[in-house]
C-alpha atoms as a PDB file:
ATOM      1  CA  MET A   1      86.740  -3.128 171.576  1.00  0.00           C
ATOM      2  CA  ARG A   2      89.827  -1.892 169.959  1.00  0.00           C
ATOM      3  CA  LYS A   3      89.421  -3.922 167.211  1.00  0.00           C
ATOM      4  CA  LEU A   4      85.932  -3.047 167.024  1.00  0.00           C
ATOM      5  CA  ALA A   5      86.856   0.701 166.836  1.00  0.00           C
ATOM      6  CA  TYR A   6      88.763   0.360 164.392  1.00  0.00           C
ATOM      7  CA  GLY A   7      86.848  -1.287 161.904  1.00  0.00           C
ATOM      8  CA  VAL A   8      83.805   1.383 162.644  1.00  0.00           C
ATOM      9  CA  CYS A   9      86.941   4.224 161.563  1.00  0.00           C
ATOM     10  CA  VAL A  10      87.949   2.451 158.206  1.00  0.00           C
ATOM     11  CA  ALA A  11      84.352   1.976 157.642  1.00  0.00           C
ATOM     12  CA  ALA A  12      83.159   5.269 158.172  1.00  0.00           C
ATOM     13  CA  ILE A  13      86.148   6.828 155.945  1.00  0.00           C
ATOM     14  CA  ALA A  14      85.348   4.557 152.987  1.00  0.00           C
ATOM     15  CA  LEU A  15      81.460   5.213 153.220  1.00  0.00           C
ATOM     16  CA  SER A  16      81.886   9.252 153.670  1.00  0.00           C
ATOM     17  CA  LEU A  17      84.633   8.748 150.451  1.00  0.00           C
ATOM     18  CA  SER A  18      82.145   6.669 148.114  1.00  0.00           C
ATOM     19  CA  SER A  19      79.226   8.929 148.883  1.00  0.00           C
ATOM     20  CA  CYS A  20      81.390  12.422 148.059  1.00  0.00           C
ATOM     21  CA  ALA A  21      82.955  10.202 144.793  1.00  0.00           C
ATOM     22  CA  GLY A  22      79.167   9.200 143.289  1.00  0.00           C
ATOM     23  CA  SER A  23      78.314  13.084 143.151  1.00  0.00           C
ATOM     24  CA  GLY A  24      80.731  14.271 140.316  1.00  0.00           C
ATOM     25  CA  SER A  25      79.948  15.489 136.636  1.00  0.00           C
ATOM     26  CA  GLN A  26      80.538  13.883 133.808  1.00  0.00           C
ATOM     27  CA  GLY A  27      84.385  14.280 132.425  1.00  0.00           C
ATOM     28  CA  VAL A  28      85.676  12.874 136.338  1.00  0.00           C
ATOM     29  CA  PRO A  29      86.342   9.791 137.186  1.00  0.00           C
ATOM     30  CA  ASP A  30      84.962   7.644 139.437  1.00  0.00           C
ATOM     31  CA  MET A  31      86.569   7.153 142.489  1.00  0.00           C
ATOM     32  CA  GLY A  32      83.654   6.156 144.680  1.00  0.00           C
ATOM     33  CA  GLY A  33      83.585   1.647 143.620  1.00  0.00           C
ATOM     34  CA  SER A  34      86.967   0.941 145.664  1.00  0.00           C
ATOM     35  CA  ALA A  35      85.984   2.631 148.822  1.00  0.00           C
ATOM     36  CA  GLU A  36      82.626   0.610 148.696  1.00  0.00           C
ATOM     37  CA  ARG A  37      83.714  -2.581 148.166  1.00  0.00           C
ATOM     38  CA  ALA A  38      86.348  -1.767 150.724  1.00  0.00           C
ATOM     39  CA  ALA A  39      83.440  -0.314 152.877  1.00  0.00           C
ATOM     40  CA  ALA A  40      81.462  -3.062 152.495  1.00  0.00           C
ATOM     41  CA  PRO A  41      83.160  -5.972 154.608  1.00  0.00           C
ATOM     42  CA  LEU A  42      83.024  -3.858 157.856  1.00  0.00           C
ATOM     43  CA  ALA A  43      79.935  -2.165 157.422  1.00  0.00           C
ATOM     44  CA  ALA A  44      78.497  -5.728 157.613  1.00  0.00           C
ATOM     45  CA  GLU A  45      80.209  -6.986 160.411  1.00  0.00           C
ATOM     46  CA  TYR A  46      79.474  -3.499 162.412  1.00  0.00           C
ATOM     47  CA  SER A  47      76.624  -1.421 163.085  1.00  0.00           C
ATOM     48  CA  GLN A  48      75.863   1.190 160.990  1.00  0.00           C
ATOM     49  CA  ARG A  49      76.381   4.458 162.482  1.00  0.00           C
ATOM     50  CA  LYS A  50      73.408   7.363 162.571  1.00  0.00           C
ATOM     51  CA  PRO A  51      74.272   9.880 160.005  1.00  0.00           C
ATOM     52  CA  GLU A  52      74.408  13.587 161.442  1.00  0.00           C
ATOM     53  CA  ALA A  53      71.888  16.284 160.883  1.00  0.00           C
ATOM     54  CA  ALA A  54      72.254  19.257 158.502  1.00  0.00           C
ATOM     55  CA  PRO A  55      72.397  22.663 160.345  1.00  0.00           C
ATOM     56  CA  LYS A  56      68.800  24.032 160.692  1.00  0.00           C
ATOM     57  CA  ASP A  57      68.043  27.679 161.203  1.00  0.00           C
ATOM     58  CA  GLN A  58      64.935  28.734 163.779  1.00  0.00           C
ATOM     59  CA  ALA A  59      62.502  27.604 161.616  1.00  0.00           C
ATOM     60  CA  GLY A  60      63.544  24.320 161.131  1.00  0.00           C
ATOM     61  CA  LYS A  61      64.880  24.479 157.194  1.00  0.00           C
ATOM     62  CA  GLU A  62      67.755  23.221 155.990  1.00  0.00           C
ATOM     63  CA  GLN A  63      70.131  26.242 155.381  1.00  0.00           C
ATOM     64  CA  VAL A  64      71.866  26.187 152.508  1.00  0.00           C
ATOM     65  CA  LYS A  65      75.260  27.939 151.443  1.00  0.00           C
ATOM     66  CA  LEU A  66      75.640  29.649 147.921  1.00  0.00           C
ATOM     67  CA  VAL A  67      79.436  29.901 146.832  1.00  0.00           C
ATOM     68  CA  ALA A  68      79.606  32.622 144.023  1.00  0.00           C
ATOM     69  CA  GLN A  69      82.121  30.792 141.515  1.00  0.00           C
ATOM     70  CA  ASP A  70      84.371  32.250 138.386  1.00  0.00           C
ATOM     71  CA  GLN A  71      83.245  30.956 135.867  1.00  0.00           C
ATOM     72  CA  ALA A  72      85.874  28.866 133.818  1.00  0.00           C
ATOM     73  CA  ILE A  73      85.697  29.112 130.390  1.00  0.00           C
ATOM     74  CA  ILE A  74      87.954  27.072 127.368  1.00  0.00           C
ATOM     75  CA  TYR A  75      88.385  29.215 124.029  1.00  0.00           C
ATOM     76  CA  THR A  76      89.591  28.031 120.890  1.00  0.00           C
ATOM     77  CA  ALA A  77      89.465  29.253 117.394  1.00  0.00           C
ATOM     78  CA  GLU A  78      91.371  28.734 114.209  1.00  0.00           C
ATOM     79  CA  LEU A  79      91.315  31.859 111.674  1.00  0.00           C
ATOM     80  CA  THR A  80      92.121  31.489 108.073  1.00  0.00           C
ATOM     81  CA  VAL A  81      94.061  34.248 106.382  1.00  0.00           C
ATOM     82  CA  ARG A  82      95.429  34.936 102.638  1.00  0.00           C
ATOM     83  CA  ALA A  83      98.194  37.209 102.509  1.00  0.00           C
ATOM     84  CA  LYS A  84     100.640  38.440 100.061  1.00  0.00           C
ATOM     85  CA  ASP A  85     104.132  37.310 102.106  1.00  0.00           C
ATOM     86  CA  VAL A  86     103.114  34.311 104.051  1.00  0.00           C
ATOM     87  CA  VAL A  87     106.701  34.442 105.816  1.00  0.00           C
ATOM     88  CA  THR A  88     105.953  38.204 107.145  1.00  0.00           C
ATOM     89  CA  ALA A  89     102.535  37.868 107.919  1.00  0.00           C
ATOM     90  CA  ALA A  90     103.747  35.279 110.271  1.00  0.00           C
ATOM     91  CA  ASP A  91     106.357  37.700 111.512  1.00  0.00           C
ATOM     92  CA  THR A  92     103.677  40.085 112.606  1.00  0.00           C
ATOM     93  CA  ALA A  93     101.848  37.337 114.240  1.00  0.00           C
ATOM     94  CA  ARG A  94     104.271  36.309 116.441  1.00  0.00           C
ATOM     95  CA  ARG A  95     104.644  40.195 117.657  1.00  0.00           C
ATOM     96  CA  ILE A  96     100.965  41.032 117.888  1.00  0.00           C
ATOM     97  CA  VAL A  97     100.259  37.872 120.211  1.00  0.00           C
ATOM     98  CA  THR A  98     103.417  38.749 122.244  1.00  0.00           C
ATOM     99  CA  ALA A  99     102.797  41.969 122.643  1.00  0.00           C
ATOM    100  CA  ALA A 100      99.139  40.334 124.258  1.00  0.00           C
ATOM    101  CA  GLY A 101     101.047  38.184 126.984  1.00  0.00           C
ATOM    102  CA  GLY A 102     100.763  34.839 124.430  1.00  0.00           C
ATOM    103  CA  HIS A 103     103.152  32.871 123.099  1.00  0.00           C
ATOM    104  CA  LEU A 104     103.739  30.424 119.952  1.00  0.00           C
ATOM    105  CA  ALA A 105     102.859  27.016 120.948  1.00  0.00           C
ATOM    106  CA  THR A 106     103.628  24.708 117.492  1.00  0.00           C
ATOM    107  CA  GLU A 107     104.547  25.766 113.730  1.00  0.00           C
ATOM    108  CA  LYS A 108     103.639  23.935 110.842  1.00  0.00           C
ATOM    109  CA  SER A 109     104.922  25.380 107.386  1.00  0.00           C
ATOM    110  CA  ASP A 110     104.950  23.382 104.025  1.00  0.00           C
ATOM    111  CA  THR A 111     108.531  23.687 101.616  1.00  0.00           C
ATOM    112  CA  SER A 112     106.822  25.906  99.030  1.00  0.00           C
ATOM    113  CA  SER A 113     107.274  29.179  99.042  1.00  0.00           C
ATOM    114  CA  GLY A 114     106.763  33.258  96.987  1.00  0.00           C
ATOM    115  CA  ASP A 115     102.376  32.937  96.604  1.00  0.00           C
ATOM    116  CA  ARG A 116     101.965  29.491  96.913  1.00  0.00           C
ATOM    117  CA  ALA A 117     103.590  29.039 100.251  1.00  0.00           C
ATOM    118  CA  SER A 118     101.543  28.115 103.869  1.00  0.00           C
ATOM    119  CA  THR A 119     102.168  27.768 107.182  1.00  0.00           C
ATOM    120  CA  SER A 120      99.813  26.898 110.229  1.00  0.00           C
ATOM    121  CA  LEU A 121     100.796  28.579 113.414  1.00  0.00           C
ATOM    122  CA  THR A 122      99.306  27.939 116.780  1.00  0.00           C
ATOM    123  CA  PHE A 123      99.358  30.470 119.506  1.00  0.00           C
ATOM    124  CA  LYS A 124      98.410  30.264 123.174  1.00  0.00           C
ATOM    125  CA  VAL A 125      96.857  33.616 124.745  1.00  0.00           C
ATOM    126  CA  PRO A 126      95.295  35.184 127.688  1.00  0.00           C
ATOM    127  CA  PRO A 127      91.715  35.050 127.882  1.00  0.00           C
ATOM    128  CA  THR A 128      91.193  38.997 128.352  1.00  0.00           C
ATOM    129  CA  ALA A 129      93.294  39.599 125.170  1.00  0.00           C
ATOM    130  CA  TYR A 130      92.001  37.183 122.736  1.00  0.00           C
ATOM    131  CA  PRO A 131      88.809  38.966 121.670  1.00  0.00           C
ATOM    132  CA  GLY A 132      91.232  41.925 120.545  1.00  0.00           C
ATOM    133  CA  VAL A 133      94.240  39.672 119.142  1.00  0.00           C
ATOM    134  CA  LEU A 134      91.525  37.651 116.760  1.00  0.00           C
ATOM    135  CA  GLN A 135      90.393  40.712 115.316  1.00  0.00           C
ATOM    136  CA  ARG A 136      93.947  42.434 114.649  1.00  0.00           C
ATOM    137  CA  LEU A 137      95.258  39.328 113.166  1.00  0.00           C
ATOM    138  CA  GLY A 138      92.061  38.510 110.712  1.00  0.00           C
ATOM    139  CA  GLY A 139      91.976  42.336 109.889  1.00  0.00           C
ATOM    140  CA  GLU A 140      96.147  43.739 109.502  1.00  0.00           C
ATOM    141  CA  LEU A 141      97.827  40.208 107.943  1.00  0.00           C
ATOM    142  CA  GLY A 142      95.907  39.946 105.004  1.00  0.00           C
ATOM    143  CA  ARG A 143      92.443  39.335 103.628  1.00  0.00           C
ATOM    144  CA  ARG A 144      90.605  36.804 105.743  1.00  0.00           C
ATOM    145  CA  GLU A 145      89.355  33.877 104.311  1.00  0.00           C
ATOM    146  CA  SER A 146      87.621  31.656 107.193  1.00  0.00           C
ATOM    147  CA  LEU A 147      87.121  32.072 111.245  1.00  0.00           C
ATOM    148  CA  GLN A 148      86.242  29.068 113.238  1.00  0.00           C
ATOM    149  CA  GLN A 149      85.266  29.956 117.286  1.00  0.00           C
ATOM    150  CA  ASN A 150      84.102  27.440 120.184  1.00  0.00           C
ATOM    151  CA  THR A 151      83.844  27.899 123.703  1.00  0.00           C
ATOM    152  CA  GLU A 152      83.264  25.366 126.517  1.00  0.00           C
ATOM    153  CA  ASP A 153      81.779  26.246 130.106  1.00  0.00           C
ATOM    154  CA  VAL A 154      83.802  24.100 132.912  1.00  0.00           C
ATOM    155  CA  THR A 155      82.750  25.884 135.897  1.00  0.00           C
ATOM    156  CA  GLU A 156      81.412  22.689 136.850  1.00  0.00           C
ATOM    157  CA  GLN A 157      84.058  20.792 136.251  1.00  0.00           C
ATOM    158  CA  VAL A 158      86.791  22.529 137.859  1.00  0.00           C
ATOM    159  CA  ALA A 159      84.650  23.178 141.112  1.00  0.00           C
ATOM    160  CA  ASP A 160      83.485  19.092 140.862  1.00  0.00           C
ATOM    161  CA  VAL A 161      87.634  17.802 141.050  1.00  0.00           C
ATOM    162  CA  GLU A 162      88.675  20.597 143.610  1.00  0.00           C
ATOM    163  CA  SER A 163      85.557  19.420 145.666  1.00  0.00           C
ATOM    164  CA  ARG A 164      87.128  15.526 144.896  1.00  0.00           C
ATOM    165  CA  LEU A 165      90.381  16.682 145.729  1.00  0.00           C
ATOM    166  CA  ARG A 166      90.027  18.554 149.230  1.00  0.00           C
ATOM    167  CA  SER A 167      87.871  14.984 150.284  1.00  0.00           C
ATOM    168  CA  GLN A 168      90.444  13.102 148.971  1.00  0.00           C
ATOM    169  CA  ARG A 169      93.672  14.805 151.034  1.00  0.00           C
ATOM    170  CA  ALA A 170      91.478  14.853 154.280  1.00  0.00           C
ATOM    171  CA  ALA A 171      90.625  10.579 153.557  1.00  0.00           C
ATOM    172  CA  LEU A 172      94.657  10.317 153.454  1.00  0.00           C
ATOM    173  CA  ASP A 173      94.971  12.158 156.433  1.00  0.00           C
ATOM    174  CA  SER A 174      92.239  10.344 158.373  1.00  0.00           C
ATOM    175  CA  LEU A 175      94.154   6.507 156.889  1.00  0.00           C
ATOM    176  CA  ARG A 176      97.501   7.785 157.700  1.00  0.00           C
ATOM    177  CA  ALA A 177      96.489   8.717 161.305  1.00  0.00           C
ATOM    178  CA  LEU A 178      94.399   5.584 161.438  1.00  0.00           C
ATOM    179  CA  LEU A 179      98.002   3.503 160.227  1.00  0.00           C
ATOM    180  CA  LYS A 180      99.527   5.144 163.116  1.00  0.00           C
ATOM    181  CA  LYS A 181      97.435   3.295 165.220  1.00  0.00           C
ATOM    182  CA  ALA A 182      96.723  -0.429 163.838  1.00  0.00           C
ATOM    183  CA  LYS A 183      98.560  -2.963 165.472  1.00  0.00           C
ATOM    184  CA  THR A 184      98.223  -6.427 164.030  1.00  0.00           C
ATOM    185  CA  ILE A 185      99.955  -7.103 160.078  1.00  0.00           C
ATOM    186  CA  GLY A 186      96.306  -7.666 159.167  1.00  0.00           C
ATOM    187  CA  GLU A 187      95.216  -4.083 160.488  1.00  0.00           C
ATOM    188  CA  VAL A 188      98.325  -2.756 158.682  1.00  0.00           C
ATOM    189  CA  LEU A 189      97.763  -4.430 155.093  1.00  0.00           C
ATOM    190  CA  ASP A 190      94.343  -3.489 155.252  1.00  0.00           C
ATOM    191  CA  VAL A 191      95.002   0.333 155.774  1.00  0.00           C
ATOM    192  CA  GLU A 192      98.067   0.624 153.515  1.00  0.00           C
ATOM    193  CA  ARG A 193      95.854  -0.804 150.560  1.00  0.00           C
ATOM    194  CA  GLU A 194      93.276   1.593 150.522  1.00  0.00           C
ATOM    195  CA  VAL A 195      96.063   4.745 151.272  1.00  0.00           C
ATOM    196  CA  SER A 196      97.704   3.075 148.006  1.00  0.00           C
ATOM    197  CA  SER A 197      94.098   3.210 146.159  1.00  0.00           C
ATOM    198  CA  ARG A 198      93.325   6.788 147.275  1.00  0.00           C
ATOM    199  CA  GLU A 199      96.369   7.892 146.234  1.00  0.00           C
ATOM    200  CA  ALA A 200      96.705   6.984 142.934  1.00  0.00           C
ATOM    201  CA  ASP A 201      93.112   8.499 142.980  1.00  0.00           C
ATOM    202  CA  LEU A 202      94.630  12.074 144.140  1.00  0.00           C
ATOM    203  CA  GLU A 203      97.293  11.547 141.207  1.00  0.00           C
ATOM    204  CA  SER A 204      94.698  11.031 138.790  1.00  0.00           C
ATOM    205  CA  LEU A 205      92.438  14.138 139.643  1.00  0.00           C
ATOM    206  CA  GLN A 206      95.251  16.482 140.002  1.00  0.00           C
ATOM    207  CA  ALA A 207      96.309  15.452 136.448  1.00  0.00           C
ATOM    208  CA  ARG A 208      92.466  16.206 135.633  1.00  0.00           C
ATOM    209  CA  GLN A 209      92.656  19.777 137.053  1.00  0.00           C
ATOM    210  CA  LYS A 210      96.123  20.323 135.735  1.00  0.00           C
ATOM    211  CA  THR A 211      94.558  20.124 132.079  1.00  0.00           C
ATOM    212  CA  LEU A 212      91.291  22.155 133.280  1.00  0.00           C
ATOM    213  CA  ALA A 213      93.734  25.277 134.478  1.00  0.00           C
ATOM    214  CA  SER A 214      96.221  24.737 131.812  1.00  0.00           C
ATOM    215  CA  GLN A 215      93.008  24.793 129.079  1.00  0.00           C
ATOM    216  CA  THR A 216      91.040  27.894 130.609  1.00  0.00           C
ATOM    217  CA  SER A 217      94.271  29.756 131.616  1.00  0.00           C
ATOM    218  CA  MET A 218      95.171  30.713 127.597  1.00  0.00           C
ATOM    219  CA  ALA A 219      93.100  30.350 124.803  1.00  0.00           C
ATOM    220  CA  THR A 220      93.959  28.470 121.716  1.00  0.00           C
ATOM    221  CA  LEU A 221      94.130  30.391 118.377  1.00  0.00           C
ATOM    222  CA  THR A 222      95.002  28.332 115.359  1.00  0.00           C
ATOM    223  CA  LEU A 223      95.988  30.974 112.750  1.00  0.00           C
ATOM    224  CA  ASN A 224      96.653  29.377 108.861  1.00  0.00           C
ATOM    225  CA  LEU A 225      98.047  31.857 106.563  1.00  0.00           C
ATOM    226  CA  ILE A 226      98.013  31.144 102.857  1.00  0.00           C
ATOM    227  CA  GLY A 227      99.590  32.660  99.891  1.00  0.00           C
ATOM    228  CA  PRO A 228      97.880  34.349  97.026  1.00  0.00           C
ATOM    229  CA  GLU A 229      97.768  31.521  94.310  1.00  0.00           C
ATOM    230  CA  VAL A 230      96.985  28.500  97.180  1.00  0.00           C
ATOM    231  CA  THR A 231      93.985  26.903  97.387  1.00  0.00           C
ATOM    232  CA  VAL A 232      91.668  26.383  99.786  1.00  0.00           C
ATOM    233  CA  GLU A 233      88.877  23.878  99.236  1.00  0.00           C
ATOM    234  CA  ASP A 234      85.711  24.886 101.395  1.00  0.00           C
ATOM    235  CA  PRO A 235      83.521  21.974 103.227  1.00  0.00           C
ATOM    236  CA  GLU A 236      80.594  21.600 101.221  1.00  0.00           C
ATOM    237  CA  GLU A 237      77.456  20.285 103.434  1.00  0.00           C
ATOM    238  CA  ASP A 238      74.752  18.170 101.997  1.00  0.00           C
ATOM    239  CA  SER A 239      71.455  19.082 101.665  1.00  0.00           C
ATOM    240  CA  PRO A 240      68.821  16.267 102.873  1.00  0.00           C
ATOM    241  CA  GLY A 241      66.651  14.653 100.138  1.00  0.00           C
ATOM    242  CA  PHE A 242      67.538  13.484  96.997  1.00  0.00           C
ATOM    243  CA  LEU A 243      70.554  15.921  95.613  1.00  0.00           C
ATOM    244  CA  GLY A 244      72.294  15.572  99.277  1.00  0.00           C
ATOM    245  CA  GLY A 245      71.742  11.714  98.801  1.00  0.00           C
ATOM    246  CA  LEU A 246      73.123  11.170  94.940  1.00  0.00           C
ATOM    247  CA  ARG A 247      76.376  13.487  96.238  1.00  0.00           C
ATOM    248  CA  SER A 248      76.526  11.231  99.325  1.00  0.00           C
ATOM    249  CA  GLY A 249      76.442   7.839  96.487  1.00  0.00           C
ATOM    250  CA  TRP A 250      78.635   9.244  94.159  1.00  0.00           C
ATOM    251  CA  ARG A 251      81.509   9.996  96.648  1.00  0.00           C
ATOM    252  CA  ALA A 252      81.439   6.897  98.128  1.00  0.00           C
ATOM    253  CA  LEU A 253      81.485   5.379  94.389  1.00  0.00           C
ATOM    254  CA  VAL A 254      84.383   6.981  93.726  1.00  0.00           C
ATOM    255  CA  SER A 255      85.828   5.955  96.941  1.00  0.00           C
ATOM    256  CA  ALA A 256      85.354   2.123  96.339  1.00  0.00           C
ATOM    257  CA  VAL A 257      86.448   2.102  92.410  1.00  0.00           C
ATOM    258  CA  GLU A 258      89.830   4.462  94.715  1.00  0.00           C
ATOM    259  CA  THR A 259      90.208   1.595  96.585  1.00  0.00           C
ATOM    260  CA  GLY A 260      89.710  -1.068  94.151  1.00  0.00           C
ATOM    261  CA  LEU A 261      92.259   0.350  91.908  1.00  0.00           C
ATOM    262  CA  VAL A 262      94.937   0.712  95.155  1.00  0.00           C
ATOM    263  CA  VAL A 263      94.104  -2.880  95.889  1.00  0.00           C
ATOM    264  CA  LEU A 264      94.553  -3.812  92.192  1.00  0.00           C
ATOM    265  CA  GLY A 265      97.940  -1.874  91.946  1.00  0.00           C
ATOM    266  CA  ALA A 266      98.947  -4.055  95.356  1.00  0.00           C
ATOM    267  CA  LEU A 267      97.629  -6.980  93.715  1.00  0.00           C
ATOM    268  CA  LEU A 268      99.317  -6.921  89.930  1.00  0.00           C
ATOM    269  CA  PRO A 269     102.834  -8.041  90.959  1.00  0.00           C
ATOM    270  CA  TRP A 270     101.822 -10.945  92.554  1.00  0.00           C
ATOM    271  CA  LEU A 271      99.349 -11.926  89.481  1.00  0.00           C
ATOM    272  CA  ALA A 272     102.263 -11.326  87.217  1.00  0.00           C
ATOM    273  CA  VAL A 273     104.960 -13.604  89.200  1.00  0.00           C
ATOM    274  CA  LEU A 274     102.287 -15.955  89.256  1.00  0.00           C
ATOM    275  CA  VAL A 275     101.183 -15.970  85.811  1.00  0.00           C
ATOM    276  CA  LEU A 276     104.732 -16.732  84.714  1.00  0.00           C
ATOM    277  CA  LEU A 277     105.335 -19.661  87.328  1.00  0.00           C
ATOM    278  CA  TRP A 278     102.382 -20.861  85.753  1.00  0.00           C
ATOM    279  CA  LEU A 279     103.227 -20.642  82.402  1.00  0.00           C
ATOM    280  CA  ALA A 280     106.668 -21.968  83.281  1.00  0.00           C
ATOM    281  CA  GLY A 281     105.490 -25.075  84.136  1.00  0.00           C
ATOM    282  CA  ALA A 282     103.325 -25.669  81.555  1.00  0.00           C
ATOM    283  CA  PHE A 283     105.833 -25.495  79.335  1.00  0.00           C
ATOM    284  CA  LEU A 284     107.750 -28.214  81.731  1.00  0.00           C
ATOM    285  CA  ARG A 285     104.661 -30.474  81.647  1.00  0.00           C
ATOM    286  CA  ARG A 286     104.540 -29.893  77.964  1.00  0.00           C
ATOM    287  CA  LEU A 287     107.816 -30.704  77.221  1.00  0.00           C
ATOM    288  CA  LEU A 288     107.926 -34.227  79.758  1.00  0.00           C
ATOM    289  CA  ARG A 289     105.313 -35.440  77.944  1.00  0.00           C
ATOM    290  CA  ARG A 290     106.925 -35.120  74.363  1.00  0.00           C
ATOM    291  CA  GLY A 291     109.869 -37.017  76.294  1.00  0.00           C
ATOM    292  CA  LYS A 292     108.231 -40.393  76.874  1.00  0.00           C
ATOM    293  CA  PRO A 293     107.981 -43.004  74.439  1.00  0.00           C
ATOM    294  CA  ALA A 294     104.547 -44.080  72.941  1.00  0.00           C
ATOM    295  CA  GLN A 295     103.555 -47.129  73.974  1.00  0.00           C
ATOM    296  CA  ALA A 296     102.853 -49.591  71.618  1.00  0.00           C
ATOM    297  CA  VAL A 297      99.143 -50.625  70.596  1.00  0.00           C
ATOM    298  CA  PRO A 298      98.406 -54.218  70.566  1.00  0.00           C
ATOM    299  CA  ASP A 299      96.887 -55.202  66.965  1.00  0.00           C
ATOM    300  CA  GLN A 300      93.979 -56.743  67.274  1.00  0.00           C
ATOM    301  CA  GLU A 301      93.350 -60.168  66.360  1.00  0.00           C
ATOM    302  CA  GLU A 302      91.297 -61.133  63.499  1.00  0.00           C
ATOM    303  CA  PRO A 303      88.217 -62.907  63.719  1.00  0.00           C
ATOM    304  CA  GLU A 304      88.580 -66.426  61.836  1.00  0.00           C
ATOM    305  CA  GLU A 305      86.646 -67.061  59.064  1.00  0.00           C
ATOM    306  CA  SER A 306      84.704 -69.698  59.532  1.00  0.00           C
END
């Protein structure tokens, strides 16, 4: 009876975990496969348990509890501004972001100076201050050249990860409690193997939750500052039809020619060495032929006259 109760408990825990992990949204790893594999032998050996019914109201309908959730949005933007003095504009941008509660994440500057200078700064800004900071950077530093913004709603992903974390923690608590009751070596090994798998899944979910929290807690704003003489090439969008195909074909031809020239430039030194070696070999062969004595050709006997 003790072994039977132990097997039923392990099977029920693993099956409940697989059902919880199978309802996740896209972008979150599936945690139900190992639970199904672990529960399959036990489920086949012991009888299945009847699931508990959902709570019902007086009319006999299942009650659905709706929980209001705040939206989790990832804000990203890339702004290009032409400034008279890039260094001064960069210092002003740092002050604007710092005053709004943000901070500088990365900075990349070229070696040019004066009117040809340029720099790229990536800021982390609180979402509440993001619109105001974006407006100030685009209006106070110089002339705005381009702006690209993107928003991504990850509310369902955040809620799904939190639900999976609760399920994994509850499952680990149950497995650890079951481990204390295990008596045989086989029972201990089975439970420890399942605990190790659940702990790995829990760490993966915690990493995913940390990434989502970092992306939603602060907006990412990339500011490109360029000097008055810096040329910015706008990306051309290919129009459908004959002209679009002609432009695509021309770019493909130019790219193929450039690639061929690069390959030829890499092979040219080797070809020069091979030609020199071939000429040296031909010269040696000619010298060897001249040094050999000519073989005497035997005279042909003239036929006797009868």
